[in-house]
PDB file of N, CA and C in Angstrom:
ATOM      1  N   MET A   1      11.865  -8.275 -53.521  1.00  0.00           N
ATOM      2  CA  MET A   1      13.029  -8.275 -52.659  1.00  0.00           C
ATOM      3  C   MET A   1      12.844  -7.285 -51.504  1.00  0.00           C
ATOM      4  N   ARG A   2      12.281  -6.124 -51.850  1.00  0.00           N
ATOM      5  CA  ARG A   2      12.080  -5.091 -50.838  1.00  0.00           C
ATOM      6  C   ARG A   2      11.081  -5.568 -49.789  1.00  0.00           C
ATOM      7  N   ARG A   3      10.032  -6.270 -50.240  1.00  0.00           N
ATOM      8  CA  ARG A   3       9.053  -6.811 -49.294  1.00  0.00           C
ATOM      9  C   ARG A   3       9.693  -7.847 -48.375  1.00  0.00           C
ATOM     10  N   LEU A   4      10.516  -8.664 -48.911  1.00  0.00           N
ATOM     11  CA  LEU A   4      11.183  -9.697 -48.126  1.00  0.00           C
ATOM     12  C   LEU A   4      12.040  -9.065 -47.026  1.00  0.00           C
ATOM     13  N   VAL A   5      12.750  -8.016 -47.360  1.00  0.00           N
ATOM     14  CA  VAL A   5      13.578  -7.312 -46.376  1.00  0.00           C
ATOM     15  C   VAL A   5      12.691  -6.688 -45.297  1.00  0.00           C
ATOM     16  N   LEU A   6      11.578  -6.092 -45.692  1.00  0.00           N
ATOM     17  CA  LEU A   6      10.660  -5.495 -44.719  1.00  0.00           C
ATOM     18  C   LEU A   6      10.054  -6.559 -43.804  1.00  0.00           C
ATOM     19  N   VAL A   7       9.666  -7.689 -44.367  1.00  0.00           N
ATOM     20  CA  VAL A   7       9.090  -8.766 -43.561  1.00  0.00           C
ATOM     21  C   VAL A   7      10.134  -9.309 -42.588  1.00  0.00           C
ATOM     22  N   VAL A   8      11.337  -9.538 -43.053  1.00  0.00           N
ATOM     23  CA  VAL A   8      12.409 -10.036 -42.184  1.00  0.00           C
ATOM     24  C   VAL A   8      12.708  -9.022 -41.080  1.00  0.00           C
ATOM     25  N   ALA A   9      12.750  -7.749 -41.419  1.00  0.00           N
ATOM     26  CA  ALA A   9      13.001  -6.704 -40.412  1.00  0.00           C
ATOM     27  C   ALA A   9      11.877  -6.651 -39.385  1.00  0.00           C
ATOM     28  N   ALA A  10      10.631  -6.759 -39.845  1.00  0.00           N
ATOM     29  CA  ALA A  10       9.489  -6.729 -38.925  1.00  0.00           C
ATOM     30  C   ALA A  10       9.531  -7.927 -37.986  1.00  0.00           C
ATOM     31  N   VAL A  11       9.802  -9.108 -38.518  1.00  0.00           N
ATOM     32  CA  VAL A  11       9.884 -10.305 -37.685  1.00  0.00           C
ATOM     33  C   VAL A  11      11.029 -10.156 -36.678  1.00  0.00           C
ATOM     34  N   PHE A  12      12.142  -9.652 -37.116  1.00  0.00           N
ATOM     35  CA  PHE A  12      13.290  -9.460 -36.225  1.00  0.00           C
ATOM     36  C   PHE A  12      12.934  -8.513 -35.076  1.00  0.00           C
ATOM     37  N   PHE A  13      12.330  -7.370 -35.384  1.00  0.00           N
ATOM     38  CA  PHE A  13      12.000  -6.391 -34.345  1.00  0.00           C
ATOM     39  C   PHE A  13      10.918  -6.895 -33.405  1.00  0.00           C
ATOM     40  N   LEU A  14       9.933  -7.605 -33.927  1.00  0.00           N
ATOM     41  CA  LEU A  14       8.879  -8.141 -33.070  1.00  0.00           C
ATOM     42  C   LEU A  14       9.403  -9.260 -32.171  1.00  0.00           C
ATOM     43  N   SER A  15      10.274 -10.090 -32.690  1.00  0.00           N
ATOM     44  CA  SER A  15      10.814 -11.171 -31.875  1.00  0.00           C
ATOM     45  C   SER A  15      11.840 -10.652 -30.874  1.00  0.00           C
ATOM     46  N   TRP A  16      12.492  -9.553 -31.174  1.00  0.00           N
ATOM     47  CA  TRP A  16      13.484  -8.979 -30.268  1.00  0.00           C
ATOM     48  C   TRP A  16      12.863  -8.616 -28.920  1.00  0.00           C
ATOM     49  N   SER A  17      11.631  -8.084 -28.931  1.00  0.00           N
ATOM     50  CA  SER A  17      10.983  -7.722 -27.672  1.00  0.00           C
ATOM     51  C   SER A  17      10.694  -8.959 -26.838  1.00  0.00           C
ATOM     52  N   GLY A  18      10.427 -10.076 -27.473  1.00  0.00           N
ATOM     53  CA  GLY A  18      10.219 -11.324 -26.735  1.00  0.00           C
ATOM     54  C   GLY A  18      11.484 -11.805 -26.060  1.00  0.00           C
ATOM     55  N   PHE A  19      12.629 -11.635 -26.708  1.00  0.00           N
ATOM     56  CA  PHE A  19      13.894 -12.023 -26.096  1.00  0.00           C
ATOM     57  C   PHE A  19      14.273 -11.088 -24.964  1.00  0.00           C
ATOM     58  N   ALA A  20      13.914  -9.847 -25.089  1.00  0.00           N
ATOM     59  CA  ALA A  20      14.281  -8.862 -24.075  1.00  0.00           C
ATOM     60  C   ALA A  20      13.547  -9.120 -22.762  1.00  0.00           C
ATOM     61  N   GLN A  21      12.379  -9.774 -22.819  1.00  0.00           N
ATOM     62  CA  GLN A  21      11.592  -9.980 -21.623  1.00  0.00           C
ATOM     63  C   GLN A  21      11.951 -11.244 -20.869  1.00  0.00           C
ATOM     64  N   THR A  22      12.668 -12.129 -21.481  1.00  0.00           N
ATOM     65  CA  THR A  22      13.043 -13.348 -20.776  1.00  0.00           C
ATOM     66  C   THR A  22      14.220 -13.059 -19.854  1.00  0.00           C
ATOM     67  N   SER A  23      14.201 -13.735 -18.738  1.00  0.00           N
ATOM     68  CA  SER A  23      15.261 -13.545 -17.758  1.00  0.00           C
ATOM     69  C   SER A  23      15.793 -14.906 -17.341  1.00  0.00           C
ATOM     70  N   SER A  24      17.070 -15.035 -17.287  1.00  0.00           N
ATOM     71  CA  SER A  24      17.663 -16.300 -16.868  1.00  0.00           C
ATOM     72  C   SER A  24      17.781 -16.366 -15.350  1.00  0.00           C
ATOM     73  N   ASP A  25      17.548 -15.254 -14.662  1.00  0.00           N
ATOM     74  CA  ASP A  25      17.659 -15.200 -13.206  1.00  0.00           C
ATOM     75  C   ASP A  25      16.297 -15.498 -12.584  1.00  0.00           C
ATOM     76  N   ASP A  26      16.098 -16.721 -12.137  1.00  0.00           N
ATOM     77  CA  ASP A  26      14.829 -17.119 -11.535  1.00  0.00           C
ATOM     78  C   ASP A  26      14.905 -17.150 -10.015  1.00  0.00           C
ATOM     79  N   SER A  27      15.890 -16.506  -9.448  1.00  0.00           N
ATOM     80  CA  SER A  27      16.026 -16.504  -7.998  1.00  0.00           C
ATOM     81  C   SER A  27      14.947 -15.611  -7.384  1.00  0.00           C
ATOM     82  N   PRO A  28      14.520 -15.943  -6.155  1.00  0.00           N
ATOM     83  CA  PRO A  28      13.486 -15.129  -5.499  1.00  0.00           C
ATOM     84  C   PRO A  28      14.026 -13.742  -5.140  1.00  0.00           C
ATOM     85  N   ALA A  29      13.104 -12.829  -4.957  1.00  0.00           N
ATOM     86  CA  ALA A  29      13.479 -11.455  -4.602  1.00  0.00           C
ATOM     87  C   ALA A  29      14.134 -11.441  -3.225  1.00  0.00           C
ATOM     88  N   THR A  30      15.105 -10.590  -3.078  1.00  0.00           N
ATOM     89  CA  THR A  30      15.773 -10.443  -1.780  1.00  0.00           C
ATOM     90  C   THR A  30      15.017  -9.440  -0.926  1.00  0.00           C
ATOM     91  N   LYS A  31      15.389  -9.355   0.317  1.00  0.00           N
ATOM     92  CA  LYS A  31      14.769  -8.389   1.225  1.00  0.00           C
ATOM     93  C   LYS A  31      14.987  -6.971   0.700  1.00  0.00           C
ATOM     94  N   GLY A  32      16.161  -6.702   0.176  1.00  0.00           N
ATOM     95  CA  GLY A  32      16.461  -5.387  -0.396  1.00  0.00           C
ATOM     96  C   GLY A  32      15.579  -5.074  -1.597  1.00  0.00           C
ATOM     97  N   ASP A  33      15.324  -6.093  -2.434  1.00  0.00           N
ATOM     98  CA  ASP A  33      14.439  -5.903  -3.589  1.00  0.00           C
ATOM     99  C   ASP A  33      13.040  -5.514  -3.145  1.00  0.00           C
ATOM    100  N   VAL A  34      12.547  -6.216  -2.127  1.00  0.00           N
ATOM    101  CA  VAL A  34      11.200  -5.943  -1.621  1.00  0.00           C
ATOM    102  C   VAL A  34      11.128  -4.559  -1.000  1.00  0.00           C
ATOM    103  N   GLU A  35      12.140  -4.187  -0.218  1.00  0.00           N
ATOM    104  CA  GLU A  35      12.152  -2.861   0.399  1.00  0.00           C
ATOM    105  C   GLU A  35      12.206  -1.766  -0.669  1.00  0.00           C
ATOM    106  N   ARG A  36      12.984  -1.982  -1.697  1.00  0.00           N
ATOM    107  CA  ARG A  36      13.060  -1.010  -2.807  1.00  0.00           C
ATOM    108  C   ARG A  36      11.712  -0.882  -3.505  1.00  0.00           C
ATOM    109  N   TYR A  37      11.036  -1.999  -3.712  1.00  0.00           N
ATOM    110  CA  TYR A  37       9.710  -1.967  -4.334  1.00  0.00           C
ATOM    111  C   TYR A  37       8.741  -1.158  -3.474  1.00  0.00           C
ATOM    112  N   PHE A  38       8.742  -1.403  -2.157  1.00  0.00           N
ATOM    113  CA  PHE A  38       7.857  -0.660  -1.265  1.00  0.00           C
ATOM    114  C   PHE A  38       8.165   0.837  -1.288  1.00  0.00           C
ATOM    115  N   GLN A  39       9.441   1.188  -1.413  1.00  0.00           N
ATOM    116  CA  GLN A  39       9.803   2.598  -1.510  1.00  0.00           C
ATOM    117  C   GLN A  39       9.276   3.202  -2.805  1.00  0.00           C
ATOM    118  N   LEU A  40       9.371   2.450  -3.884  1.00  0.00           N
ATOM    119  CA  LEU A  40       8.916   2.951  -5.186  1.00  0.00           C
ATOM    120  C   LEU A  40       7.411   3.175  -5.222  1.00  0.00           C
ATOM    121  N   VAL A  41       6.643   2.286  -4.609  1.00  0.00           N
ATOM    122  CA  VAL A  41       5.189   2.437  -4.638  1.00  0.00           C
ATOM    123  C   VAL A  41       4.676   3.257  -3.456  1.00  0.00           C
ATOM    124  N   LYS A  42       5.600   3.739  -2.638  1.00  0.00           N
ATOM    125  CA  LYS A  42       5.282   4.590  -1.488  1.00  0.00           C
ATOM    126  C   LYS A  42       4.255   3.923  -0.560  1.00  0.00           C
ATOM    127  N   SER A  43       4.492   2.670  -0.247  1.00  0.00           N
ATOM    128  CA  SER A  43       3.554   1.920   0.589  1.00  0.00           C
ATOM    129  C   SER A  43       3.499   2.465   2.014  1.00  0.00           C
ATOM    130  N   SER A  44       4.602   2.976   2.535  1.00  0.00           N
ATOM    131  CA  SER A  44       4.557   3.494   3.914  1.00  0.00           C
ATOM    132  C   SER A  44       3.659   4.724   4.000  1.00  0.00           C
ATOM    133  N   ASP A  45       3.653   5.557   2.959  1.00  0.00           N
ATOM    134  CA  ASP A  45       2.750   6.709   2.943  1.00  0.00           C
ATOM    135  C   ASP A  45       1.295   6.268   2.911  1.00  0.00           C
ATOM    136  N   MET A  46       1.018   5.236   2.112  1.00  0.00           N
ATOM    137  CA  MET A  46      -0.353   4.722   2.033  1.00  0.00           C
ATOM    138  C   MET A  46      -0.797   4.146   3.371  1.00  0.00           C
ATOM    139  N   VAL A  47       0.101   3.420   4.025  1.00  0.00           N
ATOM    140  CA  VAL A  47      -0.235   2.825   5.321  1.00  0.00           C
ATOM    141  C   VAL A  47      -0.471   3.917   6.359  1.00  0.00           C
ATOM    142  N   LYS A  48       0.367   4.951   6.357  1.00  0.00           N
ATOM    143  CA  LYS A  48       0.179   6.054   7.311  1.00  0.00           C
ATOM    144  C   LYS A  48      -1.169   6.743   7.108  1.00  0.00           C
ATOM    145  N   LYS A  49      -1.535   6.987   5.856  1.00  0.00           N
ATOM    146  CA  LYS A  49      -2.828   7.617   5.568  1.00  0.00           C
ATOM    147  C   LYS A  49      -3.975   6.722   5.996  1.00  0.00           C
ATOM    148  N   MET A  50      -3.849   5.424   5.738  1.00  0.00           N
ATOM    149  CA  MET A  50      -4.889   4.482   6.115  1.00  0.00           C
ATOM    150  C   MET A  50      -5.042   4.426   7.636  1.00  0.00           C
ATOM    151  N   MET A  51      -3.934   4.401   8.344  1.00  0.00           N
ATOM    152  CA  MET A  51      -3.981   4.359   9.805  1.00  0.00           C
ATOM    153  C   MET A  51      -4.596   5.629  10.377  1.00  0.00           C
ATOM    154  N   ALA A  52      -4.277   6.774   9.799  1.00  0.00           N
ATOM    155  CA  ALA A  52      -4.856   8.035  10.267  1.00  0.00           C
ATOM    156  C   ALA A  52      -6.368   8.044  10.047  1.00  0.00           C
ATOM    157  N   THR A  53      -6.809   7.542   8.910  1.00  0.00           N
ATOM    158  CA  THR A  53      -8.238   7.480   8.628  1.00  0.00           C
ATOM    159  C   THR A  53      -8.944   6.534   9.586  1.00  0.00           C
ATOM    160  N   MET A  54      -8.315   5.398   9.850  1.00  0.00           N
ATOM    161  CA  MET A  54      -8.909   4.445  10.787  1.00  0.00           C
ATOM    162  C   MET A  54      -8.990   5.033  12.189  1.00  0.00           C
ATOM    163  N   ALA A  55      -7.933   5.700  12.621  1.00  0.00           N
ATOM    164  CA  ALA A  55      -7.927   6.304  13.955  1.00  0.00           C
ATOM    165  C   ALA A  55      -9.022   7.356  14.071  1.00  0.00           C
ATOM    166  N   GLN A  56      -9.175   8.170  13.043  1.00  0.00           N
ATOM    167  CA  GLN A  56     -10.218   9.207  13.060  1.00  0.00           C
ATOM    168  C   GLN A  56     -11.603   8.566  13.153  1.00  0.00           C
ATOM    169  N   SER A  57     -11.823   7.502  12.416  1.00  0.00           N
ATOM    170  CA  SER A  57     -13.120   6.817  12.456  1.00  0.00           C
ATOM    171  C   SER A  57     -13.386   6.221  13.830  1.00  0.00           C
ATOM    172  N   ILE A  58     -12.360   5.647  14.428  1.00  0.00           N
ATOM    173  CA  ILE A  58     -12.534   5.048  15.751  1.00  0.00           C
ATOM    174  C   ILE A  58     -12.803   6.126  16.797  1.00  0.00           C
ATOM    175  N   HIS A  59     -12.097   7.254  16.720  1.00  0.00           N
ATOM    176  CA  HIS A  59     -12.359   8.358  17.655  1.00  0.00           C
ATOM    177  C   HIS A  59     -13.796   8.844  17.526  1.00  0.00           C
ATOM    178  N   GLN A  60     -14.279   8.944  16.310  1.00  0.00           N
ATOM    179  CA  GLN A  60     -15.661   9.391  16.085  1.00  0.00           C
ATOM    180  C   GLN A  60     -16.641   8.366  16.657  1.00  0.00           C
ATOM    181  N   LEU A  61     -16.396   7.109  16.428  1.00  0.00           N
ATOM    182  CA  LEU A  61     -17.262   6.063  16.956  1.00  0.00           C
ATOM    183  C   LEU A  61     -17.271   6.069  18.480  1.00  0.00           C
ATOM    184  N   ILE A  62     -16.106   6.227  19.090  1.00  0.00           N
ATOM    185  CA  ILE A  62     -16.016   6.289  20.556  1.00  0.00           C
ATOM    186  C   ILE A  62     -16.827   7.462  21.082  1.00  0.00           C
ATOM    187  N   HIS A  63     -16.701   8.609  20.424  1.00  0.00           N
ATOM    188  CA  HIS A  63     -17.455   9.788  20.865  1.00  0.00           C
ATOM    189  C   HIS A  63     -18.960   9.540  20.764  1.00  0.00           C
ATOM    190  N   GLU A  64     -19.397   8.969  19.658  1.00  0.00           N
ATOM    191  CA  GLU A  64     -20.837   8.705  19.484  1.00  0.00           C
ATOM    192  C   GLU A  64     -21.355   7.741  20.554  1.00  0.00           C
ATOM    193  N   GLN A  65     -20.573   6.710  20.842  1.00  0.00           N
ATOM    194  CA  GLN A  65     -20.990   5.749  21.863  1.00  0.00           C
ATOM    195  C   GLN A  65     -20.950   6.375  23.258  1.00  0.00           C
ATOM    196  N   TYR A  66     -19.976   7.236  23.492  1.00  0.00           N
ATOM    197  CA  TYR A  66     -19.895   7.908  24.791  1.00  0.00           C
ATOM    198  C   TYR A  66     -21.101   8.823  25.004  1.00  0.00           C
ATOM    199  N   VAL A  67     -21.486   9.531  23.964  1.00  0.00           N
ATOM    200  CA  VAL A  67     -22.643  10.433  24.075  1.00  0.00           C
ATOM    201  C   VAL A  67     -23.909   9.635  24.388  1.00  0.00           C
ATOM    202  N   LYS A  68     -24.059   8.466  23.788  1.00  0.00           N
ATOM    203  CA  LYS A  68     -25.237   7.632  24.043  1.00  0.00           C
ATOM    204  C   LYS A  68     -25.273   7.121  25.482  1.00  0.00           C
ATOM    205  N   HIS A  69     -24.099   6.805  26.022  1.00  0.00           N
ATOM    206  CA  HIS A  69     -24.040   6.155  27.341  1.00  0.00           C
ATOM    207  C   HIS A  69     -23.302   6.984  28.381  1.00  0.00           C
ATOM    208  N   GLN A  70     -23.266   8.308  28.226  1.00  0.00           N
ATOM    209  CA  GLN A  70     -22.453   9.128  29.133  1.00  0.00           C
ATOM    210  C   GLN A  70     -22.962   9.120  30.568  1.00  0.00           C
ATOM    211  N   ASP A  71     -24.247   8.875  30.766  1.00  0.00           N
ATOM    212  CA  ASP A  71     -24.747   8.827  32.143  1.00  0.00           C
ATOM    213  C   ASP A  71     -24.313   7.548  32.867  1.00  0.00           C
ATOM    214  N   GLU A  72     -23.908   6.516  32.133  1.00  0.00           N
ATOM    215  CA  GLU A  72     -23.467   5.255  32.735  1.00  0.00           C
ATOM    216  C   GLU A  72     -21.938   5.163  32.874  1.00  0.00           C
ATOM    217  N   LEU A  73     -21.219   6.073  32.242  1.00  0.00           N
ATOM    218  CA  LEU A  73     -19.756   5.997  32.203  1.00  0.00           C
ATOM    219  C   LEU A  73     -19.124   7.112  33.024  1.00  0.00           C
ATOM    220  N   PRO A  74     -17.887   6.909  33.481  1.00  0.00           N
ATOM    221  CA  PRO A  74     -17.183   7.974  34.200  1.00  0.00           C
ATOM    222  C   PRO A  74     -16.935   9.173  33.277  1.00  0.00           C
ATOM    223  N   SER A  75     -16.771  10.333  33.857  1.00  0.00           N
ATOM    224  CA  SER A  75     -16.620  11.557  33.060  1.00  0.00           C
ATOM    225  C   SER A  75     -15.327  11.570  32.238  1.00  0.00           C
ATOM    226  N   ASP A  76     -14.282  10.900  32.694  1.00  0.00           N
ATOM    227  CA  ASP A  76     -13.020  10.892  31.953  1.00  0.00           C
ATOM    228  C   ASP A  76     -12.865   9.667  31.040  1.00  0.00           C
ATOM    229  N   TYR A  77     -13.922   8.902  30.851  1.00  0.00           N
ATOM    230  CA  TYR A  77     -13.870   7.675  30.058  1.00  0.00           C
ATOM    231  C   TYR A  77     -13.461   7.950  28.606  1.00  0.00           C
ATOM    232  N   GLU A  78     -14.101   8.917  27.976  1.00  0.00           N
ATOM    233  CA  GLU A  78     -13.810   9.208  26.571  1.00  0.00           C
ATOM    234  C   GLU A  78     -12.358   9.640  26.396  1.00  0.00           C
ATOM    235  N   ALA A  79     -11.857  10.479  27.276  1.00  0.00           N
ATOM    236  CA  ALA A  79     -10.473  10.949  27.171  1.00  0.00           C
ATOM    237  C   ALA A  79      -9.483   9.787  27.321  1.00  0.00           C
ATOM    238  N   LYS A  80      -9.763   8.878  28.261  1.00  0.00           N
ATOM    239  CA  LYS A  80      -8.873   7.728  28.464  1.00  0.00           C
ATOM    240  C   LYS A  80      -8.864   6.817  27.235  1.00  0.00           C
ATOM    241  N   ILE A  81     -10.040   6.532  26.703  1.00  0.00           N
ATOM    242  CA  ILE A  81     -10.127   5.643  25.548  1.00  0.00           C
ATOM    243  C   ILE A  81      -9.506   6.310  24.324  1.00  0.00           C
ATOM    244  N   ASP A  82      -9.733   7.592  24.135  1.00  0.00           N
ATOM    245  CA  ASP A  82      -9.120   8.314  23.019  1.00  0.00           C
ATOM    246  C   ASP A  82      -7.595   8.277  23.109  1.00  0.00           C
ATOM    247  N   ALA A  83      -7.070   8.467  24.310  1.00  0.00           N
ATOM    248  CA  ALA A  83      -5.611   8.418  24.511  1.00  0.00           C
ATOM    249  C   ALA A  83      -5.079   7.022  24.199  1.00  0.00           C
ATOM    250  N   MET A  84      -5.803   6.000  24.607  1.00  0.00           N
ATOM    251  CA  MET A  84      -5.378   4.633  24.344  1.00  0.00           C
ATOM    252  C   MET A  84      -5.386   4.323  22.827  1.00  0.00           C
ATOM    253  N   VAL A  85      -6.420   4.787  22.131  1.00  0.00           N
ATOM    254  CA  VAL A  85      -6.494   4.570  20.679  1.00  0.00           C
ATOM    255  C   VAL A  85      -5.368   5.324  19.981  1.00  0.00           C
ATOM    256  N   SER A  86      -5.139   6.557  20.388  1.00  0.00           N
ATOM    257  CA  SER A  86      -4.058   7.349  19.772  1.00  0.00           C
ATOM    258  C   SER A  86      -2.712   6.689  19.986  1.00  0.00           C
ATOM    259  N   GLU A  87      -2.477   6.178  21.177  1.00  0.00           N
ATOM    260  CA  GLU A  87      -1.217   5.504  21.476  1.00  0.00           C
ATOM    261  C   GLU A  87      -1.064   4.246  20.622  1.00  0.00           C
ATOM    262  N   THR A  88      -2.144   3.524  20.447  1.00  0.00           N
ATOM    263  CA  THR A  88      -2.113   2.303  19.644  1.00  0.00           C
ATOM    264  C   THR A  88      -1.780   2.612  18.193  1.00  0.00           C
ATOM    265  N   PHE A  89      -2.360   3.650  17.637  1.00  0.00           N
ATOM    266  CA  PHE A  89      -2.141   3.970  16.232  1.00  0.00           C
ATOM    267  C   PHE A  89      -0.829   4.718  15.987  1.00  0.00           C
ATOM    268  N   ASP A  90      -0.273   5.320  17.026  1.00  0.00           N
ATOM    269  CA  ASP A  90       1.025   5.981  16.862  1.00  0.00           C
ATOM    270  C   ASP A  90       2.116   4.951  16.883  1.00  0.00           C
TER     271      ASP A  90
END
């Protein structure tokens, strides 16, 4: 009898988690739901860090290319391009 009660209790508790996961609301996520999710995973912080890293890489690449071709380019070329890249990423 005691085993039967334990088995019934175990089946009840294991099946309860299956019922808890089902949802009758199959409607798509709203804009507010998506914005809340992005806030929770801090996606804007990740994007800002990624953009800063990309901007730094592009500035470095521009400098390297300017050094290679500085005799063919105007003296203010690097500063103008750097300003344009910074403006784009800001």
